[in-house]
Amino acid sequence: MVSGSHTVARNRPQRPLESWKQIAAYLDCSERTVRRWEAREGLPIHRREHHKQDKVFAYPHELDSWRRGRTRTPSTPAPTPEPQIHGYLLEHAAITATMHYYIEGARAGDSSLMRPAFHPAATISGYCQGIEYIGSIQLVFDWIDGNGSAPDLKPRFARIEIIESIALVHLEVHGWSGRNAGANAHYSDVFTLLKIDGEWKITHKLFHSHVS
């Protein structure tokens, strides 16, 4: 009976970590580092929708798998993670890397920095300060160059969904500033991405600017 109870406990799924603080403690780092790892290095963070603010959570086994893949060196091979989890982490990291081009271009006010993220035939649709925009992604590039830098821009990935060769990214961006954005503007962006020749490219940007 004792042996059986130990087996059950050992096989019981691990409880998720329910906050940035718990996730940071589990990884033995700061909350700021955890947020940066999610945005730039594909740390597997999940979110539950909440009426005030999305609540983050993470599964310890996914964090362990991400950490093993991140710290792997040629002389010390890491244990092979489960194929599905490993594949998801690789794609998640590649997608966030693509989105990072967009974020850095927006922050610098320089469309040349974000162009590598987009498919040449990418399009946009949405509302900016009550004006409807539909057409080529060049409209975004022109807006970014005309807006100038937004040094206090704060992006947050609200959702990343991957389905084989397509993906959807929901990005909430606060702290926009500049000639076009004004001061402390808030934008909601939804991007669709397509994997082409092994690279993720944005094919459409759907957006809405929130009225302060």
Protein backbone atom coordinates (compact mmCIF):
# COMPACT_ATOMS: atom_id res chain seq x y z
CA MET A 1 0.00 0.00 0.00
CA VAL A 2 2.82 2.41 0.83
CA SER A 3 4.59 1.70 -2.45
CA GLY A 4 1.39 2.30 -4.41
CA SER A 5 0.72 5.65 -2.73
CA HIS A 6 4.25 6.78 -3.54
CA THR A 7 3.69 5.88 -7.19
CA VAL A 8 0.50 7.92 -7.33
CA ALA A 9 2.23 10.94 -5.77
CA ARG A 10 5.15 10.65 -8.14
CA ASN A 11 2.89 10.50 -11.22
CA ARG A 12 0.57 13.28 -10.12
CA PRO A 13 0.84 16.32 -12.48
CA GLN A 14 2.78 19.21 -11.00
CA ARG A 15 0.76 22.20 -9.88
CA PRO A 16 1.23 25.26 -12.11
CA LEU A 17 3.11 28.30 -10.87
CA GLU A 18 0.48 31.01 -10.58
CA SER A 19 2.35 34.35 -10.77
CA TRP A 20 5.45 36.10 -12.07
CA LYS A 21 6.83 35.91 -8.51
CA GLN A 22 6.41 32.14 -8.27
CA ILE A 23 7.86 31.59 -11.75
CA ALA A 24 10.86 33.80 -10.96
CA ALA A 25 11.46 31.97 -7.67
CA TYR A 26 11.30 28.61 -9.44
CA LEU A 27 13.90 29.77 -12.00
CA ASP A 28 15.95 31.55 -9.31
CA CYS A 29 15.94 34.93 -11.07
CA SER A 30 14.12 38.28 -11.00
CA GLU A 31 10.61 38.87 -12.32
CA ARG A 32 12.07 41.33 -14.84
CA THR A 33 14.35 38.59 -16.18
CA VAL A 34 11.42 36.19 -16.50
CA ARG A 35 9.42 38.73 -18.51
CA ARG A 36 12.43 39.35 -20.77
CA TRP A 37 12.93 35.62 -21.31
CA GLU A 38 9.29 35.26 -22.35
CA ALA A 39 9.49 38.16 -24.82
CA ARG A 40 12.89 37.34 -26.33
CA GLU A 41 13.74 33.70 -25.64
CA GLY A 42 10.46 31.83 -25.75
CA LEU A 43 9.95 31.08 -22.05
CA PRO A 44 6.65 29.09 -22.00
CA ILE A 45 4.25 31.37 -20.11
CA HIS A 46 0.47 30.87 -20.28
CA ARG A 47 -2.32 33.29 -19.49
CA ARG A 48 -5.87 33.11 -18.19
CA GLU A 49 -8.18 35.91 -19.29
CA HIS A 50 -9.38 38.07 -16.42
CA HIS A 51 -11.74 41.05 -16.38
CA LYS A 52 -9.02 43.34 -15.02
CA GLN A 53 -5.74 41.81 -16.18
CA ASP A 54 -4.60 38.51 -17.66
CA LYS A 55 -3.19 36.16 -15.02
CA VAL A 56 0.03 34.36 -15.91
CA PHE A 57 0.89 30.78 -15.03
CA ALA A 58 3.51 28.24 -16.03
CA TYR A 59 4.05 24.49 -15.75
CA PRO A 60 7.28 23.41 -14.00
CA HIS A 61 7.95 20.62 -16.52
CA GLU A 62 7.75 23.10 -19.42
CA LEU A 63 10.12 25.49 -17.63
CA ASP A 64 12.53 22.63 -16.97
CA SER A 65 12.43 21.60 -20.62
CA TRP A 66 13.02 25.21 -21.76
CA ARG A 67 15.91 25.58 -19.33
CA ARG A 68 17.57 22.35 -20.48
CA GLY A 69 17.37 23.44 -24.12
CA ARG A 70 18.70 26.91 -23.30
CA THR A 71 21.72 25.69 -21.31
CA ARG A 72 22.74 22.88 -23.67
CA THR A 73 26.42 22.93 -24.69
CA PRO A 74 28.28 20.75 -27.25
CA SER A 75 30.34 19.07 -24.52
CA THR A 76 27.39 18.41 -22.22
CA PRO A 77 24.34 17.15 -24.14
CA ALA A 78 21.05 17.86 -22.40
CA PRO A 79 18.47 15.12 -21.88
CA THR A 80 16.16 14.88 -24.84
CA PRO A 81 12.84 16.59 -23.96
CA GLU A 82 9.52 15.30 -25.14
CA PRO A 83 9.32 15.90 -28.94
CA GLN A 84 6.09 17.90 -28.83
CA ILE A 85 7.26 20.19 -26.03
CA HIS A 86 10.67 20.70 -27.64
CA GLY A 87 9.09 21.53 -31.01
CA TYR A 88 6.69 24.00 -29.43
CA LEU A 89 9.52 25.77 -27.60
CA LEU A 90 11.56 26.11 -30.78
CA GLU A 91 8.63 27.58 -32.72
CA HIS A 92 7.61 29.83 -29.82
CA ALA A 93 11.15 31.22 -29.62
CA ALA A 94 11.30 31.77 -33.40
CA ILE A 95 7.97 33.62 -33.38
CA THR A 96 8.92 35.89 -30.47
CA ALA A 97 12.21 36.62 -32.25
CA THR A 98 10.24 37.75 -35.31
CA MET A 99 7.99 39.91 -33.15
CA HIS A 100 11.06 41.43 -31.50
CA TYR A 101 11.96 43.05 -34.85
CA TYR A 102 8.57 44.77 -34.84
CA ILE A 103 8.90 45.88 -31.21
CA GLU A 104 12.39 47.30 -31.64
CA GLY A 105 11.42 49.15 -34.80
CA ALA A 106 8.41 50.65 -33.04
CA ARG A 107 10.49 51.69 -30.04
CA ALA A 108 13.17 53.29 -32.21
CA GLY A 109 10.75 54.87 -34.69
CA ASP A 110 12.66 53.20 -37.53
CA SER A 111 10.74 50.99 -39.95
CA SER A 112 13.95 49.48 -41.35
CA LEU A 113 14.38 47.59 -38.07
CA MET A 114 10.98 45.92 -38.32
CA ARG A 115 10.87 45.15 -42.05
CA PRO A 116 12.60 41.74 -41.65
CA ALA A 117 9.58 40.58 -39.60
CA PHE A 118 7.10 41.09 -42.44
CA HIS A 119 6.25 39.22 -45.61
CA PRO A 120 6.69 41.50 -48.65
CA ALA A 121 2.97 41.21 -49.39
CA ALA A 122 1.84 41.79 -45.79
CA THR A 123 -1.28 43.87 -45.19
CA ILE A 124 -2.93 45.81 -42.36
CA SER A 125 -6.41 46.66 -41.18
CA GLY A 126 -7.66 48.50 -38.15
CA TYR A 127 -8.34 51.80 -36.46
CA CYS A 128 -5.80 54.36 -35.29
CA GLN A 129 -7.25 57.34 -33.42
CA GLY A 130 -10.60 56.73 -35.11
CA ILE A 131 -9.16 56.58 -38.64
CA GLU A 132 -9.59 53.37 -40.60
CA TYR A 133 -6.48 51.92 -42.21
CA ILE A 134 -6.68 49.09 -44.76
CA GLY A 135 -3.98 48.26 -47.23
CA SER A 136 -0.29 47.50 -47.64
CA ILE A 137 2.06 47.15 -44.67
CA GLN A 138 3.87 50.16 -46.12
CA LEU A 139 1.24 52.25 -44.30
CA VAL A 140 2.64 50.97 -41.01
CA PHE A 141 6.22 51.66 -42.08
CA ASP A 142 5.33 55.23 -43.05
CA TRP A 143 3.47 55.74 -39.74
CA ILE A 144 6.41 54.43 -37.71
CA ASP A 145 8.95 56.65 -39.51
CA GLY A 146 6.69 59.67 -39.13
CA ASN A 147 5.99 58.97 -35.46
CA GLY A 148 9.58 58.91 -34.27
CA SER A 149 10.90 57.03 -31.25
CA ALA A 150 8.76 55.75 -28.38
CA PRO A 151 11.38 54.97 -25.70
CA ASP A 152 8.85 54.07 -22.99
CA LEU A 153 6.98 51.55 -25.13
CA LYS A 154 5.93 48.51 -23.07
CA PRO A 155 4.87 45.41 -25.06
CA ARG A 156 3.11 42.39 -23.54
CA PHE A 157 2.37 39.12 -25.29
CA ALA A 158 -1.22 38.33 -24.34
CA ARG A 159 -1.44 35.24 -26.53
CA ILE A 160 0.65 33.15 -28.91
CA GLU A 161 -1.10 30.31 -30.71
CA ILE A 162 0.79 28.00 -33.07
CA ILE A 163 -0.91 25.64 -35.54
CA GLU A 164 1.68 23.82 -37.62
CA SER A 165 2.83 26.42 -40.20
CA ILE A 166 0.57 29.29 -39.07
CA ALA A 167 0.49 31.33 -35.88
CA LEU A 168 -1.47 34.09 -34.17
CA VAL A 169 0.10 36.64 -31.83
CA HIS A 170 -1.91 39.04 -29.66
CA LEU A 171 0.30 41.92 -28.52
CA GLU A 172 -0.78 44.63 -26.08
CA VAL A 173 1.43 47.73 -26.26
CA HIS A 174 1.31 50.53 -23.69
CA GLY A 175 3.40 53.66 -23.47
CA TRP A 176 3.35 54.65 -27.14
CA SER A 177 4.49 58.22 -27.71
CA GLY A 178 5.56 60.33 -30.65
CA ARG A 179 4.29 62.72 -33.30
CA ASN A 180 1.52 60.37 -34.48
CA ALA A 181 0.79 58.40 -31.30
CA GLY A 182 0.64 61.32 -28.90
CA ALA A 183 1.47 60.56 -25.26
CA ASN A 184 1.12 57.25 -23.40
CA ALA A 185 -1.09 55.64 -26.05
CA HIS A 186 -2.35 52.05 -25.85
CA TYR A 187 -2.63 49.78 -28.89
CA SER A 188 -3.96 46.25 -29.29
CA ASP A 189 -2.39 44.32 -32.16
CA VAL A 190 -3.23 40.89 -33.54
CA PHE A 191 -0.72 39.45 -36.01
CA THR A 192 -1.02 36.44 -38.26
CA LEU A 193 2.22 34.70 -39.20
CA LEU A 194 3.16 32.11 -41.81
CA LYS A 195 6.21 29.86 -41.73
CA ILE A 196 7.97 30.20 -45.08
CA ASP A 197 11.18 28.31 -45.88
CA GLY A 198 11.74 27.76 -42.16
CA GLU A 199 11.17 31.40 -41.16
CA TRP A 200 8.15 33.00 -39.51
CA LYS A 201 6.89 36.11 -41.30
CA ILE A 202 4.03 38.44 -40.39
CA THR A 203 1.39 38.37 -43.13
CA HIS A 204 -1.24 40.64 -41.55
CA LYS A 205 -1.47 43.17 -38.72
CA LEU A 206 -4.91 43.86 -37.24
CA PHE A 207 -4.89 46.75 -34.76
CA HIS A 208 -6.92 49.12 -32.62
CA SER A 209 -5.86 52.28 -30.78
CA HIS A 210 -7.61 52.80 -27.44
CA VAL A 211 -8.98 56.21 -26.58
CA SER A 212 -7.51 57.53 -23.33
